[in-house]
Amino acid sequence: MNNLTMKPLVLLIFPLLLSSCTYFSSDKEDSSNSNSNNNIEIIESIEVSIVCNKESINEYLEKGWEIQSSSVTEVPCTWKTQKSTPKCNLKRDKGCSITVPDIMGTKTTYVLTKTSADSKDN
């Protein structure tokens, strides 16, 4: 054979050999995995915020959720209207009023996780 026809032939055969080897090895792995049951562990995560102690996370804890982490910040629970300057007349001039925090409380943010096992049959 001459050199010009040999080069394209080698370029076609070489990739074919490489791809067939990986094809056969992946078949062996797939057949071994299909015979056994696969257990998959699913980890769910949610973030719950409780502001000014109006709710609680007890319902989540009863359902199997676990506290991963928590953080506490100070936030206003109620607001009030106040004069912006001492000479301001709130009844006559609505533009001179400002809204300021009245009662301060806490905002607790919880990161909750729940692990469940899911069996996958192939």
Protein backbone atom coordinates (compact mmCIF):
# COMPACT_ATOMS: atom_id res chain seq x y z
CA MET A 1 0.00 0.00 0.00
CA ASN A 2 1.14 3.44 -0.59
CA ASN A 3 1.65 5.98 2.15
CA LEU A 4 -1.36 8.19 1.25
CA THR A 5 -3.99 5.44 1.73
CA MET A 6 -2.35 4.09 4.87
CA LYS A 7 -2.58 7.37 6.80
CA PRO A 8 -6.42 7.76 6.62
CA LEU A 9 -6.84 4.09 7.45
CA VAL A 10 -4.75 4.45 10.63
CA LEU A 11 -6.66 7.60 11.60
CA LEU A 12 -9.95 5.66 11.39
CA ILE A 13 -8.86 2.49 13.14
CA PHE A 14 -7.01 4.07 16.08
CA PRO A 15 -10.03 6.02 17.51
CA LEU A 16 -12.23 2.96 16.95
CA LEU A 17 -9.95 0.84 19.11
CA LEU A 18 -9.81 3.45 21.87
CA SER A 19 -13.56 3.91 22.04
CA SER A 20 -14.33 0.19 21.99
CA CYS A 21 -12.06 -0.44 24.99
CA THR A 22 -13.91 2.07 27.13
CA TYR A 23 -17.22 0.71 25.88
CA PHE A 24 -16.41 -2.82 27.05
CA SER A 25 -15.10 -1.73 30.44
CA SER A 26 -18.18 0.40 31.15
CA ASP A 27 -20.43 -2.55 30.29
CA LYS A 28 -18.78 -4.62 33.02
CA GLU A 29 -19.35 -1.88 35.60
CA ASP A 30 -22.97 -1.36 34.56
CA SER A 31 -23.77 -5.07 34.73
CA SER A 32 -22.31 -5.38 38.24
CA ASN A 33 -24.28 -2.34 39.43
CA SER A 34 -27.54 -3.54 37.93
CA ASN A 35 -27.46 -6.75 39.96
CA SER A 36 -27.34 -5.01 43.35
CA ASN A 37 -29.67 -2.53 45.02
CA ASN A 38 -28.33 1.00 45.22
CA ASN A 39 -29.07 2.96 48.38
CA ILE A 40 -29.03 6.70 47.85
CA GLU A 41 -28.84 9.03 50.82
CA ILE A 42 -30.75 12.26 50.24
CA ILE A 43 -29.87 15.26 52.39
CA GLU A 44 -32.47 18.01 52.37
CA SER A 45 -31.67 21.45 53.73
CA ILE A 46 -33.94 24.40 54.50
CA GLU A 47 -33.53 27.78 56.14
CA VAL A 48 -36.18 28.91 58.65
CA SER A 49 -36.33 32.40 60.19
CA ILE A 50 -38.16 33.21 63.42
CA VAL A 51 -38.74 36.95 63.90
CA CYS A 52 -39.64 38.48 67.28
CA ASN A 53 -40.42 35.04 68.79
CA LYS A 54 -43.74 34.82 66.90
CA GLU A 55 -43.26 31.19 65.80
CA SER A 56 -41.19 28.17 66.77
CA ILE A 57 -39.35 25.41 64.96
CA ASN A 58 -40.80 22.60 67.09
CA GLU A 59 -42.95 21.33 64.21
CA TYR A 60 -39.82 20.89 62.08
CA LEU A 61 -37.95 19.11 64.88
CA GLU A 62 -40.88 16.72 65.39
CA LYS A 63 -40.76 15.81 61.69
CA GLY A 64 -37.12 14.73 61.95
CA TRP A 65 -35.27 17.90 60.98
CA GLU A 66 -32.01 18.62 62.81
CA ILE A 67 -30.49 22.04 63.54
CA GLN A 68 -27.27 22.41 61.54
CA SER A 69 -26.53 26.02 62.51
CA SER A 70 -28.25 29.17 63.74
CA SER A 71 -27.59 32.88 63.81
CA VAL A 72 -29.24 35.69 65.80
CA THR A 73 -29.59 39.30 64.69
CA GLU A 74 -31.42 42.27 66.19
CA VAL A 75 -34.37 43.58 64.16
CA PRO A 76 -37.26 45.98 64.78
CA CYS A 77 -40.52 44.25 65.72
CA THR A 78 -42.78 47.32 65.61
CA TRP A 79 -42.47 50.79 64.09
CA LYS A 80 -43.75 54.21 65.15
CA THR A 81 -44.16 57.60 63.49
CA GLN A 82 -42.14 60.45 64.96
CA LYS A 83 -41.46 64.14 64.23
CA SER A 84 -38.37 64.71 62.11
CA THR A 85 -37.72 68.12 63.72
CA PRO A 86 -38.99 69.65 66.99
CA LYS A 87 -40.94 72.37 65.10
CA CYS A 88 -42.80 69.83 62.96
CA ASN A 89 -46.63 69.74 63.15
CA LEU A 90 -47.73 66.20 62.25
CA LYS A 91 -51.40 67.19 61.75
CA ARG A 92 -50.60 69.97 59.28
CA ASP A 93 -47.47 68.70 57.48
CA LYS A 94 -47.34 64.96 56.67
CA GLY A 95 -43.89 65.29 55.04
CA CYS A 96 -42.12 66.03 58.31
CA SER A 97 -42.86 62.65 59.90
CA ILE A 98 -40.39 59.78 59.93
CA THR A 99 -40.86 56.12 60.79
CA VAL A 100 -38.51 54.73 63.42
CA PRO A 101 -38.23 51.37 65.20
CA ASP A 102 -40.35 51.16 68.34
CA ILE A 103 -39.67 47.76 69.91
CA MET A 104 -36.52 45.83 69.04
CA GLY A 105 -36.43 42.03 69.00
CA THR A 106 -34.39 39.18 67.59
CA LYS A 107 -34.44 37.32 64.32
CA THR A 108 -33.14 33.78 64.61
CA THR A 109 -32.25 32.02 61.37
CA TYR A 110 -31.91 28.24 61.53
CA VAL A 111 -30.38 25.98 58.90
CA LEU A 112 -32.14 22.62 59.21
CA THR A 113 -31.12 19.34 57.56
CA LYS A 114 -32.94 16.07 57.13
CA THR A 115 -31.43 12.83 55.85
CA SER A 116 -33.54 10.19 54.18
CA ALA A 117 -32.50 6.96 52.48
CA ASP A 118 -33.92 6.15 49.06
CA SER A 119 -33.37 2.68 47.61
CA LYS A 120 -33.05 2.61 43.84
CA ASP A 121 -33.65 -0.68 42.03
CA ASN A 122 -32.22 -1.08 38.51
